[in-house]
Amino acid sequence: MKILLSDTEATRQLGKQLAQVWRPPTVLLFEGNLGAGKTTCVQGIAAALGITDPVTSPTFTLIEEYGDKLIHMDLYRLAPFEVEKLGLEEMWERGALVAIEWSERLSLLPEDYLRITFTNAEPRQAAFVAFGIAAEGYLQRLKPLLL
């Protein structure tokens, strides 16, 4: 499934919609070029979860945790063998919404995940692919909000 995102606010709104229907254990994997909207989408997720702290891309910190609600990761600077050392499996099981930017660097994938690929061509697009039973259900709950 693909949708068009007319502007930054539409990308932030997508994040809010993602948070609205999310349930564990589905992990959100974000892909796309620099400036495509990955972090903006996570900002919308955080807002919908009631997080008031500023949300920026954790490019240098790698992982930012917002209480027990959101774990935000950015794997841009890591090689796949470095990603393996982060202990991601433990984070996937904690019950928080896990959002991973630059997820194409993952060598081990969660059992259930929704891959969202952003393109920053005009107009910006987001493409969704669900992997796993829980993620399929998540995408079905999300569709009415997006169409």
N, C-alpha and C. Protein backbone atom coordinates (compact mmCIF):
# COMPACT_ATOMS: atom_id res chain seq x y z
N MET A 1 0.84 -1.17 0.00
CA MET A 1 0.00 0.00 0.00
C MET A 1 0.89 1.24 0.00
N LYS A 2 0.50 2.26 -0.76
CA LYS A 2 1.23 3.52 -0.82
C LYS A 2 0.27 4.67 -0.57
N ILE A 3 0.80 5.72 0.07
CA ILE A 3 0.03 6.95 0.22
C ILE A 3 0.91 8.13 -0.16
N LEU A 4 0.28 9.23 -0.52
CA LEU A 4 0.98 10.48 -0.80
C LEU A 4 0.96 11.34 0.45
N LEU A 5 2.05 12.03 0.69
CA LEU A 5 2.17 12.93 1.84
C LEU A 5 2.44 14.32 1.28
N SER A 6 1.47 15.20 1.40
CA SER A 6 1.54 16.50 0.74
C SER A 6 2.57 17.45 1.34
N ASP A 7 2.85 17.29 2.64
CA ASP A 7 3.79 18.20 3.29
C ASP A 7 4.27 17.59 4.61
N THR A 8 5.07 18.37 5.33
CA THR A 8 5.63 17.89 6.60
C THR A 8 4.53 17.55 7.60
N GLU A 9 3.50 18.37 7.65
CA GLU A 9 2.41 18.12 8.59
C GLU A 9 1.69 16.81 8.26
N ALA A 10 1.55 16.48 6.99
CA ALA A 10 0.93 15.20 6.61
C ALA A 10 1.80 14.03 7.07
N THR A 11 3.11 14.20 7.03
CA THR A 11 4.02 13.15 7.50
C THR A 11 3.91 12.99 9.01
N ARG A 12 3.82 14.11 9.72
CA ARG A 12 3.64 14.08 11.18
C ARG A 12 2.29 13.43 11.53
N GLN A 13 1.26 13.75 10.75
CA GLN A 13 -0.06 13.17 10.97
C GLN A 13 -0.04 11.66 10.75
N LEU A 14 0.72 11.20 9.78
CA LEU A 14 0.88 9.76 9.58
C LEU A 14 1.42 9.11 10.85
N GLY A 15 2.41 9.74 11.47
CA GLY A 15 2.95 9.21 12.72
C GLY A 15 1.88 9.10 13.80
N LYS A 16 1.04 10.10 13.89
CA LYS A 16 -0.05 10.07 14.89
C LYS A 16 -0.99 8.90 14.61
N GLN A 17 -1.29 8.68 13.34
CA GLN A 17 -2.17 7.57 12.97
C GLN A 17 -1.52 6.23 13.26
N LEU A 18 -0.22 6.14 13.01
CA LEU A 18 0.50 4.90 13.33
C LEU A 18 0.41 4.58 14.82
N ALA A 19 0.56 5.60 15.65
CA ALA A 19 0.50 5.39 17.10
C ALA A 19 -0.91 5.04 17.56
N GLN A 20 -1.89 5.60 16.90
CA GLN A 20 -3.29 5.42 17.30
C GLN A 20 -3.72 3.96 17.26
N VAL A 21 -3.27 3.20 16.28
CA VAL A 21 -3.74 1.82 16.13
C VAL A 21 -2.66 0.78 16.44
N TRP A 22 -1.47 1.23 16.89
CA TRP A 22 -0.37 0.31 17.15
C TRP A 22 -0.65 -0.55 18.38
N ARG A 23 -0.21 -1.80 18.30
CA ARG A 23 -0.23 -2.73 19.44
C ARG A 23 1.05 -3.56 19.38
N PRO A 24 1.59 -3.92 20.55
CA PRO A 24 2.76 -4.80 20.52
C PRO A 24 2.36 -6.14 19.93
N PRO A 25 3.23 -6.87 19.34
CA PRO A 25 4.69 -6.74 19.31
C PRO A 25 5.22 -6.11 18.02
N THR A 26 4.37 -5.48 17.21
CA THR A 26 4.81 -4.97 15.92
C THR A 26 5.85 -3.87 16.07
N VAL A 27 6.96 -4.01 15.37
CA VAL A 27 8.04 -3.02 15.33
C VAL A 27 7.89 -2.22 14.03
N LEU A 28 8.16 -0.92 14.09
CA LEU A 28 8.09 -0.08 12.90
C LEU A 28 9.50 0.12 12.35
N LEU A 29 9.69 -0.28 11.11
CA LEU A 29 10.99 -0.13 10.44
C LEU A 29 10.85 0.94 9.37
N PHE A 30 11.67 1.99 9.48
CA PHE A 30 11.62 3.11 8.55
C PHE A 30 12.82 3.08 7.62
N GLU A 31 12.54 3.27 6.34
CA GLU A 31 13.60 3.36 5.33
C GLU A 31 13.34 4.58 4.46
N GLY A 32 14.39 5.09 3.85
CA GLY A 32 14.27 6.24 2.97
C GLY A 32 15.53 7.08 3.03
N ASN A 33 15.69 7.92 2.04
CA ASN A 33 16.87 8.79 1.97
C ASN A 33 16.87 9.82 3.09
N LEU A 34 18.00 10.50 3.24
CA LEU A 34 18.07 11.63 4.17
C LEU A 34 17.00 12.64 3.81
N GLY A 35 16.30 13.13 4.81
CA GLY A 35 15.28 14.14 4.57
C GLY A 35 13.97 13.63 4.02
N ALA A 36 13.77 12.32 4.01
CA ALA A 36 12.56 11.75 3.41
C ALA A 36 11.35 11.80 4.34
N GLY A 37 11.56 11.99 5.65
CA GLY A 37 10.42 12.10 6.57
C GLY A 37 10.41 11.10 7.70
N LYS A 38 11.43 10.31 7.85
CA LYS A 38 11.46 9.28 8.89
C LYS A 38 11.32 9.89 10.29
N THR A 39 12.16 10.85 10.61
CA THR A 39 12.13 11.46 11.95
C THR A 39 10.85 12.26 12.15
N THR A 40 10.39 12.95 11.13
CA THR A 40 9.14 13.70 11.24
C THR A 40 7.98 12.77 11.59
N CYS A 41 7.96 11.60 11.00
CA CYS A 41 6.93 10.62 11.30
C CYS A 41 7.02 10.18 12.76
N VAL A 42 8.23 9.94 13.24
CA VAL A 42 8.41 9.53 14.65
C VAL A 42 7.99 10.67 15.58
N GLN A 43 8.18 11.92 15.19
CA GLN A 43 7.71 13.04 16.00
C GLN A 43 6.19 12.98 16.15
N GLY A 44 5.49 12.61 15.10
CA GLY A 44 4.04 12.45 15.18
C GLY A 44 3.65 11.30 16.10
N ILE A 45 4.40 10.21 16.03
CA ILE A 45 4.16 9.08 16.94
C ILE A 45 4.29 9.54 18.38
N ALA A 46 5.38 10.24 18.67
CA ALA A 46 5.64 10.71 20.03
C ALA A 46 4.52 11.63 20.51
N ALA A 47 4.09 12.54 19.67
CA ALA A 47 3.02 13.46 20.05
C ALA A 47 1.74 12.69 20.39
N ALA A 48 1.41 11.70 19.58
CA ALA A 48 0.20 10.90 19.83
C ALA A 48 0.30 10.08 21.10
N LEU A 49 1.51 9.73 21.50
CA LEU A 49 1.72 8.96 22.72
C LEU A 49 1.81 9.86 23.95
N GLY A 50 1.68 11.17 23.76
CA GLY A 50 1.73 12.10 24.88
C GLY A 50 3.12 12.47 25.32
N ILE A 51 4.11 12.21 24.49
CA ILE A 51 5.50 12.54 24.82
C ILE A 51 5.72 14.01 24.49
N THR A 52 6.19 14.77 25.47
CA THR A 52 6.39 16.20 25.27
C THR A 52 7.85 16.56 25.08
N ASP A 53 8.76 15.63 25.31
CA ASP A 53 10.18 15.89 25.07
C ASP A 53 10.42 16.11 23.58
N PRO A 54 11.40 16.95 23.23
CA PRO A 54 11.73 17.11 21.81
C PRO A 54 12.23 15.78 21.23
N VAL A 55 11.77 15.46 20.03
CA VAL A 55 12.19 14.23 19.36
C VAL A 55 13.03 14.62 18.15
N THR A 56 14.29 14.21 18.19
CA THR A 56 15.19 14.42 17.06
C THR A 56 15.77 13.07 16.67
N SER A 57 16.38 13.02 15.52
CA SER A 57 16.96 11.76 15.06
C SER A 57 18.15 11.39 15.96
N PRO A 58 18.15 10.19 16.51
CA PRO A 58 19.26 9.78 17.38
C PRO A 58 20.47 9.25 16.58
N THR A 59 20.88 10.01 15.59
CA THR A 59 21.98 9.57 14.73
C THR A 59 23.25 9.30 15.52
N PHE A 60 23.54 10.13 16.52
CA PHE A 60 24.79 9.97 17.27
C PHE A 60 24.59 9.22 18.58
N THR A 61 23.40 9.32 19.16
CA THR A 61 23.13 8.57 20.40
C THR A 61 22.65 7.16 20.10
N LEU A 62 22.23 6.90 18.90
CA LEU A 62 21.74 5.61 18.39
C LEU A 62 20.36 5.24 18.90
N ILE A 63 20.12 5.39 20.20
CA ILE A 63 18.85 4.98 20.78
C ILE A 63 18.38 6.06 21.75
N GLU A 64 17.13 6.46 21.61
CA GLU A 64 16.49 7.37 22.57
C GLU A 64 15.25 6.67 23.09
N GLU A 65 15.13 6.61 24.41
CA GLU A 65 13.97 6.00 25.03
C GLU A 65 13.13 7.09 25.68
N TYR A 66 11.84 7.03 25.47
CA TYR A 66 10.90 7.98 26.03
C TYR A 66 9.99 7.22 26.99
N GLY A 67 10.50 7.05 28.21
CA GLY A 67 9.78 6.27 29.21
C GLY A 67 9.56 4.86 28.71
N ASP A 68 8.39 4.33 29.01
CA ASP A 68 8.06 2.98 28.55
C ASP A 68 7.15 3.02 27.32
N LYS A 69 7.07 4.21 26.68
CA LYS A 69 6.16 4.37 25.55
C LYS A 69 6.81 4.19 24.19
N LEU A 70 8.03 4.71 24.03
CA LEU A 70 8.65 4.76 22.71
C LEU A 70 10.15 4.54 22.80
N ILE A 71 10.65 3.68 21.93
CA ILE A 71 12.10 3.50 21.75
C ILE A 71 12.38 3.88 20.30
N HIS A 72 13.21 4.90 20.12
CA HIS A 72 13.51 5.44 18.79
C HIS A 72 14.98 5.18 18.49
N MET A 73 15.25 4.50 17.40
CA MET A 73 16.63 4.15 17.03
C MET A 73 16.96 4.70 15.65
N ASP A 74 18.23 4.98 15.46
CA ASP A 74 18.74 5.41 14.16
C ASP A 74 20.02 4.64 13.89
N LEU A 75 20.00 3.80 12.88
CA LEU A 75 21.13 2.91 12.59
C LEU A 75 22.00 3.43 11.46
N TYR A 76 21.83 4.69 11.08
CA TYR A 76 22.52 5.26 9.92
C TYR A 76 24.02 5.09 9.97
N ARG A 77 24.63 5.31 11.11
CA ARG A 77 26.09 5.30 11.21
C ARG A 77 26.67 3.91 11.48
N LEU A 78 25.84 2.89 11.56
CA LEU A 78 26.32 1.57 11.96
C LEU A 78 26.42 0.60 10.79
N ALA A 79 27.42 -0.26 10.87
CA ALA A 79 27.52 -1.39 9.95
C ALA A 79 26.65 -2.52 10.51
N PRO A 80 26.18 -3.43 9.66
CA PRO A 80 25.32 -4.51 10.15
C PRO A 80 25.91 -5.29 11.33
N PHE A 81 27.22 -5.54 11.33
CA PHE A 81 27.80 -6.30 12.45
C PHE A 81 27.75 -5.49 13.75
N GLU A 82 27.75 -4.16 13.67
CA GLU A 82 27.65 -3.33 14.87
C GLU A 82 26.22 -3.33 15.41
N VAL A 83 25.25 -3.41 14.52
CA VAL A 83 23.85 -3.43 14.92
C VAL A 83 23.56 -4.65 15.77
N GLU A 84 24.18 -5.77 15.45
CA GLU A 84 23.95 -7.02 16.18
C GLU A 84 24.29 -6.88 17.66
N LYS A 85 25.18 -5.97 18.01
CA LYS A 85 25.63 -5.81 19.40
C LYS A 85 24.69 -4.95 20.25
N LEU A 86 23.65 -4.40 19.66
CA LEU A 86 22.78 -3.48 20.38
C LEU A 86 21.75 -4.17 21.28
N GLY A 87 21.54 -5.45 21.12
CA GLY A 87 20.54 -6.15 21.93
C GLY A 87 19.11 -5.77 21.56
N LEU A 88 18.85 -5.67 20.28
CA LEU A 88 17.55 -5.21 19.82
C LEU A 88 16.41 -6.14 20.22
N GLU A 89 16.67 -7.43 20.25
CA GLU A 89 15.61 -8.38 20.58
C GLU A 89 15.00 -8.09 21.93
N GLU A 90 15.82 -7.69 22.89
CA GLU A 90 15.30 -7.35 24.22
C GLU A 90 14.39 -6.13 24.15
N MET A 91 14.75 -5.17 23.32
CA MET A 91 13.94 -3.96 23.19
C MET A 91 12.60 -4.26 22.54
N TRP A 92 12.60 -5.17 21.55
CA TRP A 92 11.36 -5.52 20.87
C TRP A 92 10.36 -6.14 21.82
N GLU A 93 10.82 -6.75 22.89
CA GLU A 93 9.95 -7.48 23.80
C GLU A 93 9.49 -6.66 24.99
N ARG A 94 9.85 -5.39 25.07
CA ARG A 94 9.55 -4.59 26.26
C ARG A 94 8.16 -3.98 26.27
N GLY A 95 7.44 -4.04 25.17
CA GLY A 95 6.09 -3.50 25.15
C GLY A 95 5.99 -2.06 24.71
N ALA A 96 7.11 -1.39 24.50
CA ALA A 96 7.09 -0.02 23.98
C ALA A 96 6.99 -0.07 22.46
N LEU A 97 6.53 1.02 21.88
CA LEU A 97 6.55 1.12 20.43
C LEU A 97 8.01 1.33 20.03
N VAL A 98 8.52 0.48 19.17
CA VAL A 98 9.90 0.56 18.70
C VAL A 98 9.88 1.05 17.26
N ALA A 99 10.56 2.19 17.03
CA ALA A 99 10.66 2.78 15.69
C ALA A 99 12.13 2.84 15.32
N ILE A 100 12.50 2.20 14.22
CA ILE A 100 13.90 2.10 13.82
C ILE A 100 14.11 2.76 12.46
N GLU A 101 14.90 3.85 12.46
CA GLU A 101 15.27 4.51 11.21
C GLU A 101 16.49 3.81 10.62
N TRP A 102 16.57 3.81 9.30
CA TRP A 102 17.66 3.15 8.56
C TRP A 102 17.68 1.65 8.89
N SER A 103 16.51 1.07 8.90
CA SER A 103 16.36 -0.34 9.28
C SER A 103 16.96 -1.30 8.27
N GLU A 104 17.30 -0.82 7.08
CA GLU A 104 17.93 -1.71 6.10
C GLU A 104 19.28 -2.22 6.59
N ARG A 105 19.80 -1.64 7.67
CA ARG A 105 21.07 -2.10 8.24
C ARG A 105 20.88 -3.27 9.21
N LEU A 106 19.65 -3.65 9.47
CA LEU A 106 19.38 -4.78 10.36
C LEU A 106 19.73 -6.09 9.67
N SER A 107 20.44 -6.94 10.38
CA SER A 107 20.69 -8.28 9.85
C SER A 107 19.69 -9.27 10.45
N LEU A 108 19.16 -8.94 11.62
CA LEU A 108 18.15 -9.76 12.29
C LEU A 108 16.88 -8.94 12.36
N LEU A 109 15.77 -9.50 11.89
CA LEU A 109 14.51 -8.77 11.86
C LEU A 109 13.57 -9.31 12.93
N PRO A 110 12.70 -8.45 13.46
CA PRO A 110 11.72 -8.93 14.43
C PRO A 110 10.72 -9.87 13.75
N GLU A 111 9.99 -10.60 14.56
CA GLU A 111 9.00 -11.54 14.03
C GLU A 111 7.86 -10.81 13.33
N ASP A 112 7.42 -9.70 13.91
CA ASP A 112 6.34 -8.90 13.35
C ASP A 112 6.83 -7.48 13.16
N TYR A 113 6.73 -6.98 11.93
CA TYR A 113 7.13 -5.60 11.70
C TYR A 113 6.39 -5.01 10.51
N LEU A 114 6.25 -3.70 10.57
CA LEU A 114 5.70 -2.94 9.46
C LEU A 114 6.83 -2.11 8.89
N ARG A 115 7.17 -2.36 7.63
CA ARG A 115 8.22 -1.59 6.96
C ARG A 115 7.54 -0.42 6.24
N ILE A 116 8.04 0.78 6.52
CA ILE A 116 7.52 1.99 5.89
C ILE A 116 8.68 2.63 5.15
N THR A 117 8.54 2.72 3.84
CA THR A 117 9.60 3.30 3.00
C THR A 117 9.13 4.66 2.50
N PHE A 118 9.90 5.68 2.84
CA PHE A 118 9.60 7.05 2.42
C PHE A 118 10.42 7.41 1.19
N THR A 119 9.78 8.10 0.26
CA THR A 119 10.51 8.67 -0.87
C THR A 119 10.32 10.18 -0.80
N ASN A 120 11.39 10.92 -1.03
CA ASN A 120 11.25 12.37 -0.93
C ASN A 120 11.14 13.05 -2.29
N ALA A 121 10.74 12.29 -3.29
CA ALA A 121 10.38 12.91 -4.57
C ALA A 121 9.06 13.64 -4.36
N GLU A 122 8.76 14.60 -5.21
CA GLU A 122 7.50 15.33 -5.08
C GLU A 122 6.42 14.62 -5.88
N PRO A 123 5.28 14.31 -5.31
CA PRO A 123 5.00 14.44 -3.88
C PRO A 123 5.64 13.29 -3.10
N ARG A 124 5.92 13.54 -1.84
CA ARG A 124 6.50 12.52 -0.97
C ARG A 124 5.51 11.36 -0.85
N GLN A 125 6.06 10.15 -0.77
CA GLN A 125 5.23 8.95 -0.64
C GLN A 125 5.70 8.12 0.54
N ALA A 126 4.78 7.33 1.07
CA ALA A 126 5.11 6.33 2.07
C ALA A 126 4.50 5.02 1.59
N ALA A 127 5.33 3.97 1.53
CA ALA A 127 4.87 2.64 1.12
C ALA A 127 4.94 1.72 2.33
N PHE A 128 3.93 0.88 2.50
CA PHE A 128 3.81 0.03 3.67
C PHE A 128 3.83 -1.44 3.26
N VAL A 129 4.62 -2.24 3.98
CA VAL A 129 4.62 -3.69 3.80
C VAL A 129 4.65 -4.31 5.19
N ALA A 130 3.70 -5.20 5.46
CA ALA A 130 3.60 -5.87 6.76
C ALA A 130 4.20 -7.26 6.68
N PHE A 131 4.93 -7.63 7.73
CA PHE A 131 5.53 -8.95 7.85
C PHE A 131 5.11 -9.54 9.19
N GLY A 132 4.41 -10.66 9.16
CA GLY A 132 3.95 -11.32 10.38
C GLY A 132 2.46 -11.09 10.61
N ILE A 133 1.86 -11.98 11.38
CA ILE A 133 0.42 -11.94 11.62
C ILE A 133 0.00 -10.66 12.34
N ALA A 134 0.72 -10.29 13.41
CA ALA A 134 0.37 -9.08 14.16
C ALA A 134 0.52 -7.84 13.29
N ALA A 135 1.56 -7.80 12.48
CA ALA A 135 1.78 -6.64 11.60
C ALA A 135 0.70 -6.56 10.52
N GLU A 136 0.24 -7.70 10.02
CA GLU A 136 -0.84 -7.70 9.03
C GLU A 136 -2.10 -7.09 9.65
N GLY A 137 -2.40 -7.49 10.89
CA GLY A 137 -3.55 -6.92 11.59
C GLY A 137 -3.39 -5.42 11.81
N TYR A 138 -2.20 -5.01 12.14
CA TYR A 138 -1.89 -3.59 12.34
C TYR A 138 -2.15 -2.80 11.07
N LEU A 139 -1.67 -3.31 9.95
CA LEU A 139 -1.87 -2.62 8.68
C LEU A 139 -3.36 -2.54 8.34
N GLN A 140 -4.12 -3.59 8.64
CA GLN A 140 -5.56 -3.57 8.38
C GLN A 140 -6.26 -2.51 9.23
N ARG A 141 -5.82 -2.34 10.49
CA ARG A 141 -6.40 -1.30 11.35
C ARG A 141 -6.00 0.10 10.88
N LEU A 142 -4.83 0.20 10.27
CA LEU A 142 -4.30 1.48 9.82
C LEU A 142 -4.97 1.97 8.53
N LYS A 143 -5.28 1.05 7.64
CA LYS A 143 -5.80 1.41 6.30
C LYS A 143 -6.98 2.39 6.34
N PRO A 144 -8.00 2.17 7.16
CA PRO A 144 -9.13 3.11 7.14
C PRO A 144 -8.74 4.54 7.53
N LEU A 145 -7.70 4.69 8.31
CA LEU A 145 -7.25 6.02 8.71
C LEU A 145 -6.52 6.73 7.58
N LEU A 146 -5.95 5.96 6.66
CA LEU A 146 -5.11 6.52 5.61
C LEU A 146 -5.83 6.74 4.29
N LEU A 147 -6.88 5.99 4.06
CA LEU A 147 -7.56 6.06 2.75
C LEU A 147 -8.75 6.99 2.78
